[in-house]
Amino acid sequence: MTLRRGLVLGGGGITGIAWETGLLYGLQELGVDVTTADAVVGTSAGSVVGAQITTGVTLEDLFAYQVSTPRPAPLATIGPRVLAGFAWSLARARGDLETFGRLVGQWSVRRAEAGRLPTLEERFEAIRERLPVQEWADDRRLQVTAVDATSGALRTFDGSDGVSLVEAVAASCAVPGVYPPVPIDGRPFIDGGARSGSNADLLADCDRVLAFTPVDRAIGPMRTAGQLLGSVPHLVVAPDADSVAAIGRNVLDPAQRPASARAGRSQAAKVAPLAGEIWHS
């Protein structure tokens, strides 16, 4: 019987995309090619990386892009006002995950309506730039996560429902209070990280799971990837000390992209033995 292997790619901003890319590339160089996963879940930054690797873009090309000089662009940040919005929503949610998603989602909708966030077209342009291939892969391996800002419920996209890859990834990357919610089927959607930094439980039916999580915390009702996977044989990889230093304080800063990618590639050497044992068992 063939084992079903799952790959979780978690959220973590622009530097998270770079770190995950470097880690994947470094592992591939060491003989552990996890892009062959039977199922992939991508959340926020991870949705970008998941879309890239499942549509056939090589890790060598993706890494080269990450270490190239970033194009000048407005600098976004998850500042005090955004953190206050998160904290207010968490307090009001009283431990209920969907209530939190609804509250923080509606708060983000209001900020967008007040003109305090970038336009949707600006966000779509940024997402298109990150996706060399903008059509879903035929194998439907990828699940992209987002949260319905009206209900707070999780929704996954895999290309079978008529939602474009660009729309799905833009929704998954719509950090509340930073980027505008993305309308899909008449409803606004926000970052899948409003439910979990990894949404790893979507792969709880796999036989083996590797989870790469730039930001993996248990806050309020949210759970870590390890908690969500429970007894499933798995390995969760978060940035080590060198990667944390390379990422810096603002995960949305493109200037930290090259250093983050190189740090992820270097960290692969520490991760490869155990990752390979799980992946090839």
C-alpha atoms as a PDB file:
ATOM      1  CA  MET A   1       0.000   0.000   0.000  1.00  0.00           C
ATOM      2  CA  THR A   2       1.360   3.443  -0.980  1.00  0.00           C
ATOM      3  CA  LEU A   3       1.760   5.920   1.836  1.00  0.00           C
ATOM      4  CA  ARG A   4      -0.008   9.264   1.411  1.00  0.00           C
ATOM      5  CA  ARG A   5       2.442  12.039   2.172  1.00  0.00           C
ATOM      6  CA  GLY A   6       1.299  15.552   3.048  1.00  0.00           C
ATOM      7  CA  LEU A   7       3.064  18.901   2.982  1.00  0.00           C
ATOM      8  CA  VAL A   8       1.906  21.858   5.093  1.00  0.00           C
ATOM      9  CA  LEU A   9       3.144  25.318   4.120  1.00  0.00           C
ATOM     10  CA  GLY A  10       2.246  27.880   6.760  1.00  0.00           C
ATOM     11  CA  GLY A  11       1.831  31.635   6.866  1.00  0.00           C
ATOM     12  CA  GLY A  12       4.591  34.118   7.540  1.00  0.00           C
ATOM     13  CA  GLY A  13       4.529  37.067   5.171  1.00  0.00           C
ATOM     14  CA  ILE A  14       6.992  37.918   2.413  1.00  0.00           C
ATOM     15  CA  THR A  15       9.911  36.609   4.448  1.00  0.00           C
ATOM     16  CA  GLY A  16       7.947  33.416   5.096  1.00  0.00           C
ATOM     17  CA  ILE A  17       7.668  32.800   1.357  1.00  0.00           C
ATOM     18  CA  ALA A  18      11.417  33.282   1.048  1.00  0.00           C
ATOM     19  CA  TRP A  19      12.288  31.072   4.029  1.00  0.00           C
ATOM     20  CA  GLU A  20      10.026  28.231   2.883  1.00  0.00           C
ATOM     21  CA  THR A  21      11.464  28.447  -0.631  1.00  0.00           C
ATOM     22  CA  GLY A  22      15.015  28.289   0.682  1.00  0.00           C
ATOM     23  CA  LEU A  23      14.170  25.367   2.962  1.00  0.00           C
ATOM     24  CA  LEU A  24      12.483  23.422   0.154  1.00  0.00           C
ATOM     25  CA  TYR A  25      15.384  24.100  -2.196  1.00  0.00           C
ATOM     26  CA  GLY A  26      17.990  23.133   0.367  1.00  0.00           C
ATOM     27  CA  LEU A  27      16.179  19.891   1.138  1.00  0.00           C
ATOM     28  CA  GLN A  28      15.904  19.061  -2.558  1.00  0.00           C
ATOM     29  CA  GLU A  29      19.654  19.616  -2.953  1.00  0.00           C
ATOM     30  CA  LEU A  30      20.180  17.112  -0.133  1.00  0.00           C
ATOM     31  CA  GLY A  31      17.976  14.471  -1.740  1.00  0.00           C
ATOM     32  CA  VAL A  32      14.706  15.175   0.078  1.00  0.00           C
ATOM     33  CA  ASP A  33      12.290  16.457  -2.550  1.00  0.00           C
ATOM     34  CA  VAL A  34       9.073  17.174  -0.684  1.00  0.00           C
ATOM     35  CA  THR A  35       7.451  18.845  -3.702  1.00  0.00           C
ATOM     36  CA  THR A  36       6.371  15.287  -4.579  1.00  0.00           C
ATOM     37  CA  ALA A  37       3.761  15.407  -1.779  1.00  0.00           C
ATOM     38  CA  ASP A  38       0.425  13.765  -2.503  1.00  0.00           C
ATOM     39  CA  ALA A  39      -1.427  16.612  -0.778  1.00  0.00           C
ATOM     40  CA  VAL A  40      -0.390  20.205  -0.046  1.00  0.00           C
ATOM     41  CA  VAL A  41      -2.080  22.745   2.226  1.00  0.00           C
ATOM     42  CA  GLY A  42      -1.042  26.367   1.783  1.00  0.00           C
ATOM     43  CA  THR A  43      -1.976  29.162   4.161  1.00  0.00           C
ATOM     44  CA  SER A  44      -1.146  32.802   3.420  1.00  0.00           C
ATOM     45  CA  ALA A  45       2.570  32.834   2.499  1.00  0.00           C
ATOM     46  CA  GLY A  46       2.317  29.068   2.151  1.00  0.00           C
ATOM     47  CA  SER A  47      -0.426  29.415  -0.433  1.00  0.00           C
ATOM     48  CA  VAL A  48       2.025  31.301  -2.663  1.00  0.00           C
ATOM     49  CA  VAL A  49       4.710  28.643  -2.282  1.00  0.00           C
ATOM     50  CA  GLY A  50       2.162  25.843  -2.672  1.00  0.00           C
ATOM     51  CA  ALA A  51       0.857  27.377  -5.881  1.00  0.00           C
ATOM     52  CA  GLN A  52       4.379  27.784  -7.220  1.00  0.00           C
ATOM     53  CA  ILE A  53       5.577  24.236  -6.593  1.00  0.00           C
ATOM     54  CA  THR A  54       2.372  22.483  -7.697  1.00  0.00           C
ATOM     55  CA  THR A  55       2.276  24.342 -11.009  1.00  0.00           C
ATOM     56  CA  GLY A  56       5.714  23.119 -12.014  1.00  0.00           C
ATOM     57  CA  VAL A  57       7.967  26.085 -11.264  1.00  0.00           C
ATOM     58  CA  THR A  58      11.392  24.747 -10.289  1.00  0.00           C
ATOM     59  CA  LEU A  59      12.805  25.409  -6.855  1.00  0.00           C
ATOM     60  CA  GLU A  60      16.026  26.586  -8.458  1.00  0.00           C
ATOM     61  CA  ASP A  61      14.124  29.337 -10.290  1.00  0.00           C
ATOM     62  CA  LEU A  62      12.051  30.197  -7.234  1.00  0.00           C
ATOM     63  CA  PHE A  63      15.150  30.474  -5.054  1.00  0.00           C
ATOM     64  CA  ALA A  64      16.894  32.659  -7.637  1.00  0.00           C
ATOM     65  CA  TYR A  65      13.928  35.032  -7.560  1.00  0.00           C
ATOM     66  CA  GLN A  66      13.902  35.197  -3.768  1.00  0.00           C
ATOM     67  CA  VAL A  67      17.584  36.124  -3.530  1.00  0.00           C
ATOM     68  CA  SER A  68      17.340  38.716  -6.313  1.00  0.00           C
ATOM     69  CA  THR A  69      17.130  42.412  -5.490  1.00  0.00           C
ATOM     70  CA  PRO A  70      13.508  43.228  -4.551  1.00  0.00           C
ATOM     71  CA  ARG A  71      11.665  45.714  -6.714  1.00  0.00           C
ATOM     72  CA  PRO A  72      10.840  49.007  -4.922  1.00  0.00           C
ATOM     73  CA  ALA A  73       7.337  48.850  -3.427  1.00  0.00           C
ATOM     74  CA  PRO A  74       5.354  50.428  -0.580  1.00  0.00           C
ATOM     75  CA  LEU A  75       6.361  48.898   2.748  1.00  0.00           C
ATOM     76  CA  ALA A  76       3.544  47.213   4.654  1.00  0.00           C
ATOM     77  CA  THR A  77       3.753  46.338   8.315  1.00  0.00           C
ATOM     78  CA  ILE A  78       1.702  44.622  10.990  1.00  0.00           C
ATOM     79  CA  GLY A  79       1.871  47.644  13.278  1.00  0.00           C
ATOM     80  CA  PRO A  80       0.331  48.549  16.645  1.00  0.00           C
ATOM     81  CA  ARG A  81      -3.077  49.458  15.178  1.00  0.00           C
ATOM     82  CA  VAL A  82      -3.335  46.106  13.403  1.00  0.00           C
ATOM     83  CA  LEU A  83      -2.201  44.208  16.493  1.00  0.00           C
ATOM     84  CA  ALA A  84      -4.790  46.098  18.530  1.00  0.00           C
ATOM     85  CA  GLY A  85      -7.481  45.000  16.088  1.00  0.00           C
ATOM     86  CA  PHE A  86      -6.381  41.391  16.476  1.00  0.00           C
ATOM     87  CA  ALA A  87      -6.345  41.663  20.268  1.00  0.00           C
ATOM     88  CA  TRP A  88      -9.815  43.273  20.351  1.00  0.00           C
ATOM     89  CA  SER A  89     -11.211  40.494  18.156  1.00  0.00           C
ATOM     90  CA  LEU A  90      -9.589  37.762  20.252  1.00  0.00           C
ATOM     91  CA  ALA A  91     -10.966  39.205  23.460  1.00  0.00           C
ATOM     92  CA  ARG A  92     -14.471  39.518  22.033  1.00  0.00           C
ATOM     93  CA  ALA A  93     -14.354  35.997  20.553  1.00  0.00           C
ATOM     94  CA  ARG A  94     -13.982  34.403  23.998  1.00  0.00           C
ATOM     95  CA  GLY A  95     -12.197  31.328  22.701  1.00  0.00           C
ATOM     96  CA  ASP A  96     -14.392  30.668  19.657  1.00  0.00           C
ATOM     97  CA  LEU A  97     -12.348  30.410  16.463  1.00  0.00           C
ATOM     98  CA  GLU A  98     -15.120  31.233  13.995  1.00  0.00           C
ATOM     99  CA  THR A  99     -16.247  34.199  16.075  1.00  0.00           C
ATOM    100  CA  PHE A 100     -12.693  35.498  15.979  1.00  0.00           C
ATOM    101  CA  GLY A 101     -12.561  35.068  12.199  1.00  0.00           C
ATOM    102  CA  ARG A 102     -15.835  36.932  11.795  1.00  0.00           C
ATOM    103  CA  LEU A 103     -14.870  39.790  14.102  1.00  0.00           C
ATOM    104  CA  VAL A 104     -11.405  40.347  12.677  1.00  0.00           C
ATOM    105  CA  GLY A 105     -12.801  39.871   9.180  1.00  0.00           C
ATOM    106  CA  GLN A 106     -15.493  42.491   9.578  1.00  0.00           C
ATOM    107  CA  TRP A 107     -12.976  44.867  11.153  1.00  0.00           C
ATOM    108  CA  SER A 108     -10.786  44.433   8.076  1.00  0.00           C
ATOM    109  CA  VAL A 109     -13.784  44.998   5.782  1.00  0.00           C
ATOM    110  CA  ARG A 110     -14.463  48.301   7.529  1.00  0.00           C
ATOM    111  CA  ARG A 111     -10.842  49.390   7.165  1.00  0.00           C
ATOM    112  CA  ALA A 112     -10.959  48.592   3.447  1.00  0.00           C
ATOM    113  CA  GLU A 113     -14.244  50.470   2.990  1.00  0.00           C
ATOM    114  CA  ALA A 114     -12.698  53.496   4.728  1.00  0.00           C
ATOM    115  CA  GLY A 115      -9.882  53.528   2.175  1.00  0.00           C
ATOM    116  CA  ARG A 116      -7.174  52.599   4.685  1.00  0.00           C
ATOM    117  CA  LEU A 117      -5.936  49.528   2.780  1.00  0.00           C
ATOM    118  CA  PRO A 118      -4.445  48.968  -0.684  1.00  0.00           C
ATOM    119  CA  THR A 119      -6.881  48.432  -3.543  1.00  0.00           C
ATOM    120  CA  LEU A 120      -7.867  44.986  -4.715  1.00  0.00           C
ATOM    121  CA  GLU A 121      -6.190  45.561  -8.067  1.00  0.00           C
ATOM    122  CA  GLU A 122      -2.929  46.433  -6.321  1.00  0.00           C
ATOM    123  CA  ARG A 123      -3.127  43.176  -4.391  1.00  0.00           C
ATOM    124  CA  PHE A 124      -3.977  41.112  -7.471  1.00  0.00           C
ATOM    125  CA  GLU A 125      -1.012  42.663  -9.264  1.00  0.00           C
ATOM    126  CA  ALA A 126       1.294  41.702  -6.384  1.00  0.00           C
ATOM    127  CA  ILE A 127      -0.031  38.127  -6.347  1.00  0.00           C
ATOM    128  CA  ARG A 128       0.301  37.761 -10.122  1.00  0.00           C
ATOM    129  CA  GLU A 129       3.933  38.827  -9.876  1.00  0.00           C
ATOM    130  CA  ARG A 130       4.570  35.969  -7.430  1.00  0.00           C
ATOM    131  CA  LEU A 131       2.861  33.315  -9.545  1.00  0.00           C
ATOM    132  CA  PRO A 132       4.746  32.531 -12.768  1.00  0.00           C
ATOM    133  CA  VAL A 133       1.939  30.071 -13.609  1.00  0.00           C
ATOM    134  CA  GLN A 134      -1.524  31.406 -12.793  1.00  0.00           C
ATOM    135  CA  GLU A 135      -3.660  28.337 -13.487  1.00  0.00           C
ATOM    136  CA  TRP A 136      -4.377  25.523 -11.052  1.00  0.00           C
ATOM    137  CA  ALA A 137      -2.467  22.293 -11.566  1.00  0.00           C
ATOM    138  CA  ASP A 138      -4.616  19.495 -12.967  1.00  0.00           C
ATOM    139  CA  ASP A 139      -3.773  17.095 -10.129  1.00  0.00           C
ATOM    140  CA  ARG A 140      -5.746  19.113  -7.524  1.00  0.00           C
ATOM    141  CA  ARG A 141      -3.101  18.394  -4.868  1.00  0.00           C
ATOM    142  CA  LEU A 142      -3.193  21.919  -3.479  1.00  0.00           C
ATOM    143  CA  GLN A 143      -5.684  23.256  -0.951  1.00  0.00           C
ATOM    144  CA  VAL A 144      -5.537  27.024  -0.393  1.00  0.00           C
ATOM    145  CA  THR A 145      -7.105  28.221   2.861  1.00  0.00           C
ATOM    146  CA  ALA A 146      -9.055  31.406   3.560  1.00  0.00           C
ATOM    147  CA  VAL A 147     -11.594  32.580   6.142  1.00  0.00           C
ATOM    148  CA  ASP A 148     -15.057  33.889   5.293  1.00  0.00           C
ATOM    149  CA  ALA A 149     -15.138  37.363   6.838  1.00  0.00           C
ATOM    150  CA  THR A 150     -18.931  37.227   7.183  1.00  0.00           C
ATOM    151  CA  SER A 151     -19.236  33.887   8.998  1.00  0.00           C
ATOM    152  CA  GLY A 152     -15.694  33.286  10.246  1.00  0.00           C
ATOM    153  CA  ALA A 153     -15.738  29.805   8.694  1.00  0.00           C
ATOM    154  CA  LEU A 154     -12.756  28.221   6.974  1.00  0.00           C
ATOM    155  CA  ARG A 155     -12.979  27.637   3.233  1.00  0.00           C
ATOM    156  CA  THR A 156     -10.516  25.785   1.049  1.00  0.00           C
ATOM    157  CA  PHE A 157      -9.974  26.281  -2.682  1.00  0.00           C
ATOM    158  CA  ASP A 158      -8.516  23.709  -5.053  1.00  0.00           C
ATOM    159  CA  GLY A 159      -9.579  24.871  -8.499  1.00  0.00           C
ATOM    160  CA  SER A 160     -12.649  22.664  -8.679  1.00  0.00           C
ATOM    161  CA  ASP A 161     -15.096  25.464  -7.783  1.00  0.00           C
ATOM    162  CA  GLY A 162     -14.371  27.995 -10.502  1.00  0.00           C
ATOM    163  CA  VAL A 163     -12.318  30.277  -8.245  1.00  0.00           C
ATOM    164  CA  SER A 164      -9.095  31.322  -9.980  1.00  0.00           C
ATOM    165  CA  LEU A 165      -5.705  30.560  -8.472  1.00  0.00           C
ATOM    166  CA  VAL A 166      -4.918  34.282  -8.239  1.00  0.00           C
ATOM    167  CA  GLU A 167      -8.180  34.984  -6.376  1.00  0.00           C
ATOM    168  CA  ALA A 168      -7.654  32.075  -3.981  1.00  0.00           C
ATOM    169  CA  VAL A 169      -4.060  33.014  -3.158  1.00  0.00           C
ATOM    170  CA  ALA A 170      -4.958  36.693  -2.785  1.00  0.00           C
ATOM    171  CA  ALA A 171      -7.707  35.740  -0.328  1.00  0.00           C
ATOM    172  CA  SER A 172      -5.373  33.470   1.641  1.00  0.00           C
ATOM    173  CA  CYS A 173      -2.835  36.315   1.841  1.00  0.00           C
ATOM    174  CA  ALA A 174      -5.342  39.025   2.839  1.00  0.00           C
ATOM    175  CA  VAL A 175      -3.827  39.820   6.244  1.00  0.00           C
ATOM    176  CA  PRO A 176      -6.668  41.495   8.214  1.00  0.00           C
ATOM    177  CA  GLY A 177      -6.170  45.217   8.589  1.00  0.00           C
ATOM    178  CA  VAL A 178      -3.191  45.215   6.194  1.00  0.00           C
ATOM    179  CA  TYR A 179      -4.578  43.989   2.870  1.00  0.00           C
ATOM    180  CA  PRO A 180      -8.181  44.172   1.603  1.00  0.00           C
ATOM    181  CA  PRO A 181     -10.553  41.213   1.948  1.00  0.00           C
ATOM    182  CA  VAL A 182     -11.056  39.468  -1.395  1.00  0.00           C
ATOM    183  CA  PRO A 183     -14.635  39.037  -2.684  1.00  0.00           C
ATOM    184  CA  ILE A 184     -15.397  35.499  -3.849  1.00  0.00           C
ATOM    185  CA  ASP A 185     -18.918  34.354  -4.705  1.00  0.00           C
ATOM    186  CA  GLY A 186     -20.226  37.601  -3.250  1.00  0.00           C
ATOM    187  CA  ARG A 187     -18.561  37.158   0.148  1.00  0.00           C
ATOM    188  CA  PRO A 188     -15.366  38.774   1.512  1.00  0.00           C
ATOM    189  CA  PHE A 189     -12.470  36.469   2.435  1.00  0.00           C
ATOM    190  CA  ILE A 190      -9.420  37.090   4.600  1.00  0.00           C
ATOM    191  CA  ASP A 191      -6.136  35.374   5.378  1.00  0.00           C
ATOM    192  CA  GLY A 192      -6.371  31.657   6.184  1.00  0.00           C
ATOM    193  CA  GLY A 193      -4.092  32.453   9.115  1.00  0.00           C
ATOM    194  CA  ALA A 194      -7.091  33.964  10.891  1.00  0.00           C
ATOM    195  CA  ARG A 195      -7.979  30.357  11.703  1.00  0.00           C
ATOM    196  CA  SER A 196      -4.514  28.845  12.021  1.00  0.00           C
ATOM    197  CA  GLY A 197      -0.977  29.645  10.965  1.00  0.00           C
ATOM    198  CA  SER A 198      -0.837  26.223   9.325  1.00  0.00           C
ATOM    199  CA  ASN A 199      -4.326  24.644   9.088  1.00  0.00           C
ATOM    200  CA  ALA A 200      -2.384  21.399   9.355  1.00  0.00           C
ATOM    201  CA  ASP A 201      -5.433  19.424  10.485  1.00  0.00           C
ATOM    202  CA  LEU A 202      -6.620  19.411   6.864  1.00  0.00           C
ATOM    203  CA  LEU A 203      -3.958  16.755   6.283  1.00  0.00           C
ATOM    204  CA  ALA A 204      -4.737  14.678   9.369  1.00  0.00           C
ATOM    205  CA  ASP A 205      -5.779  11.815   7.080  1.00  0.00           C
ATOM    206  CA  CYS A 206      -2.266  11.503   5.626  1.00  0.00           C
ATOM    207  CA  ASP A 207       0.169   8.787   6.677  1.00  0.00           C
ATOM    208  CA  ARG A 208       3.110  11.187   6.981  1.00  0.00           C
ATOM    209  CA  VAL A 209       3.200  14.988   7.146  1.00  0.00           C
ATOM    210  CA  LEU A 210       5.946  17.580   6.948  1.00  0.00           C
ATOM    211  CA  ALA A 211       4.913  21.054   8.111  1.00  0.00           C
ATOM    212  CA  PHE A 212       7.006  24.154   7.419  1.00  0.00           C
ATOM    213  CA  THR A 213       5.708  26.962   9.589  1.00  0.00           C
ATOM    214  CA  PRO A 214       7.378  30.403   9.627  1.00  0.00           C
ATOM    215  CA  VAL A 215       4.922  31.523  12.330  1.00  0.00           C
ATOM    216  CA  ASP A 216       3.388  28.703  14.376  1.00  0.00           C
ATOM    217  CA  ARG A 217       1.777  29.846  17.612  1.00  0.00           C
ATOM    218  CA  ALA A 218      -1.060  28.828  19.891  1.00  0.00           C
ATOM    219  CA  ILE A 219      -2.880  32.092  20.592  1.00  0.00           C
ATOM    220  CA  GLY A 220      -6.362  32.072  22.091  1.00  0.00           C
ATOM    221  CA  PRO A 221      -8.340  29.393  20.242  1.00  0.00           C
ATOM    222  CA  MET A 222      -5.600  28.858  17.630  1.00  0.00           C
ATOM    223  CA  ARG A 223      -3.467  25.720  17.781  1.00  0.00           C
ATOM    224  CA  THR A 224       0.036  24.898  16.577  1.00  0.00           C
ATOM    225  CA  ALA A 225       0.655  22.561  13.665  1.00  0.00           C
ATOM    226  CA  GLY A 226       1.813  19.842  16.023  1.00  0.00           C
ATOM    227  CA  GLN A 227      -1.347  20.127  18.095  1.00  0.00           C
ATOM    228  CA  LEU A 228      -3.497  19.984  14.971  1.00  0.00           C
ATOM    229  CA  LEU A 229      -1.731  16.901  13.615  1.00  0.00           C
ATOM    230  CA  GLY A 230      -1.891  14.988  16.897  1.00  0.00           C
ATOM    231  CA  SER A 231      -0.872  11.357  16.462  1.00  0.00           C
ATOM    232  CA  VAL A 232      -0.157  11.597  12.735  1.00  0.00           C
ATOM    233  CA  PRO A 233       3.568  10.892  12.159  1.00  0.00           C
ATOM    234  CA  HIS A 234       4.918  14.342  11.395  1.00  0.00           C
ATOM    235  CA  LEU A 235       7.739  16.837  11.591  1.00  0.00           C
ATOM    236  CA  VAL A 236       7.119  20.525  12.167  1.00  0.00           C
ATOM    237  CA  VAL A 237       9.930  22.856  11.113  1.00  0.00           C
ATOM    238  CA  ALA A 238      10.024  26.479  12.268  1.00  0.00           C
ATOM    239  CA  PRO A 239      12.807  29.016  11.669  1.00  0.00           C
ATOM    240  CA  ASP A 240      15.922  28.388  13.740  1.00  0.00           C
ATOM    241  CA  ALA A 241      17.826  31.192  15.472  1.00  0.00           C
ATOM    242  CA  ASP A 242      19.773  32.144  12.341  1.00  0.00           C
ATOM    243  CA  SER A 243      16.597  32.211  10.255  1.00  0.00           C
ATOM    244  CA  VAL A 244      14.775  34.301  12.851  1.00  0.00           C
ATOM    245  CA  ALA A 245      17.614  36.827  12.732  1.00  0.00           C
ATOM    246  CA  ALA A 246      17.529  36.887   8.922  1.00  0.00           C
ATOM    247  CA  ILE A 247      13.756  37.353   8.819  1.00  0.00           C
ATOM    248  CA  GLY A 248      13.915  40.356  11.120  1.00  0.00           C
ATOM    249  CA  ARG A 249      11.028  42.123  12.821  1.00  0.00           C
ATOM    250  CA  ASN A 250       8.806  42.892   9.835  1.00  0.00           C
ATOM    251  CA  VAL A 251       7.722  39.769   7.944  1.00  0.00           C
ATOM    252  CA  LEU A 252       6.284  41.990   5.193  1.00  0.00           C
ATOM    253  CA  ASP A 253       9.599  43.690   4.384  1.00  0.00           C
ATOM    254  CA  PRO A 254      10.837  42.663   0.906  1.00  0.00           C
ATOM    255  CA  ALA A 255      14.349  43.827   1.788  1.00  0.00           C
ATOM    256  CA  GLN A 256      14.656  40.802   4.129  1.00  0.00           C
ATOM    257  CA  ARG A 257      13.657  38.375   1.403  1.00  0.00           C
ATOM    258  CA  PRO A 258      17.159  37.376   0.165  1.00  0.00           C
ATOM    259  CA  ALA A 259      18.557  36.801   3.655  1.00  0.00           C
ATOM    260  CA  SER A 260      15.472  34.800   4.657  1.00  0.00           C
ATOM    261  CA  ALA A 261      15.771  32.543   1.607  1.00  0.00           C
ATOM    262  CA  ARG A 262      19.465  31.894   2.229  1.00  0.00           C
ATOM    263  CA  ALA A 263      18.802  31.163   5.902  1.00  0.00           C
ATOM    264  CA  GLY A 264      16.110  28.639   4.979  1.00  0.00           C
ATOM    265  CA  ARG A 265      18.483  26.944   2.553  1.00  0.00           C
ATOM    266  CA  SER A 266      21.158  26.706   5.250  1.00  0.00           C
ATOM    267  CA  GLN A 267      18.694  25.370   7.818  1.00  0.00           C
ATOM    268  CA  ALA A 268      17.825  22.505   5.476  1.00  0.00           C
ATOM    269  CA  ALA A 269      21.064  20.769   6.422  1.00  0.00           C
ATOM    270  CA  LYS A 270      19.859  20.469  10.031  1.00  0.00           C
ATOM    271  CA  VAL A 271      16.401  19.323   8.975  1.00  0.00           C
ATOM    272  CA  ALA A 272      17.257  16.887   6.183  1.00  0.00           C
ATOM    273  CA  PRO A 273      18.060  13.720   8.204  1.00  0.00           C
ATOM    274  CA  LEU A 274      14.753  13.587  10.076  1.00  0.00           C
ATOM    275  CA  ALA A 275      12.727  15.000   7.171  1.00  0.00           C
ATOM    276  CA  GLY A 276      14.200  12.354   4.897  1.00  0.00           C
ATOM    277  CA  GLU A 277      13.449   9.599   7.404  1.00  0.00           C
ATOM    278  CA  ILE A 278       9.796  10.631   7.532  1.00  0.00           C
ATOM    279  CA  TRP A 279       9.460  11.287   3.801  1.00  0.00           C
ATOM    280  CA  HIS A 280      11.153   8.122   2.569  1.00  0.00           C
ATOM    281  CA  SER A 281       9.901   5.670   5.204  1.00  0.00           C
END
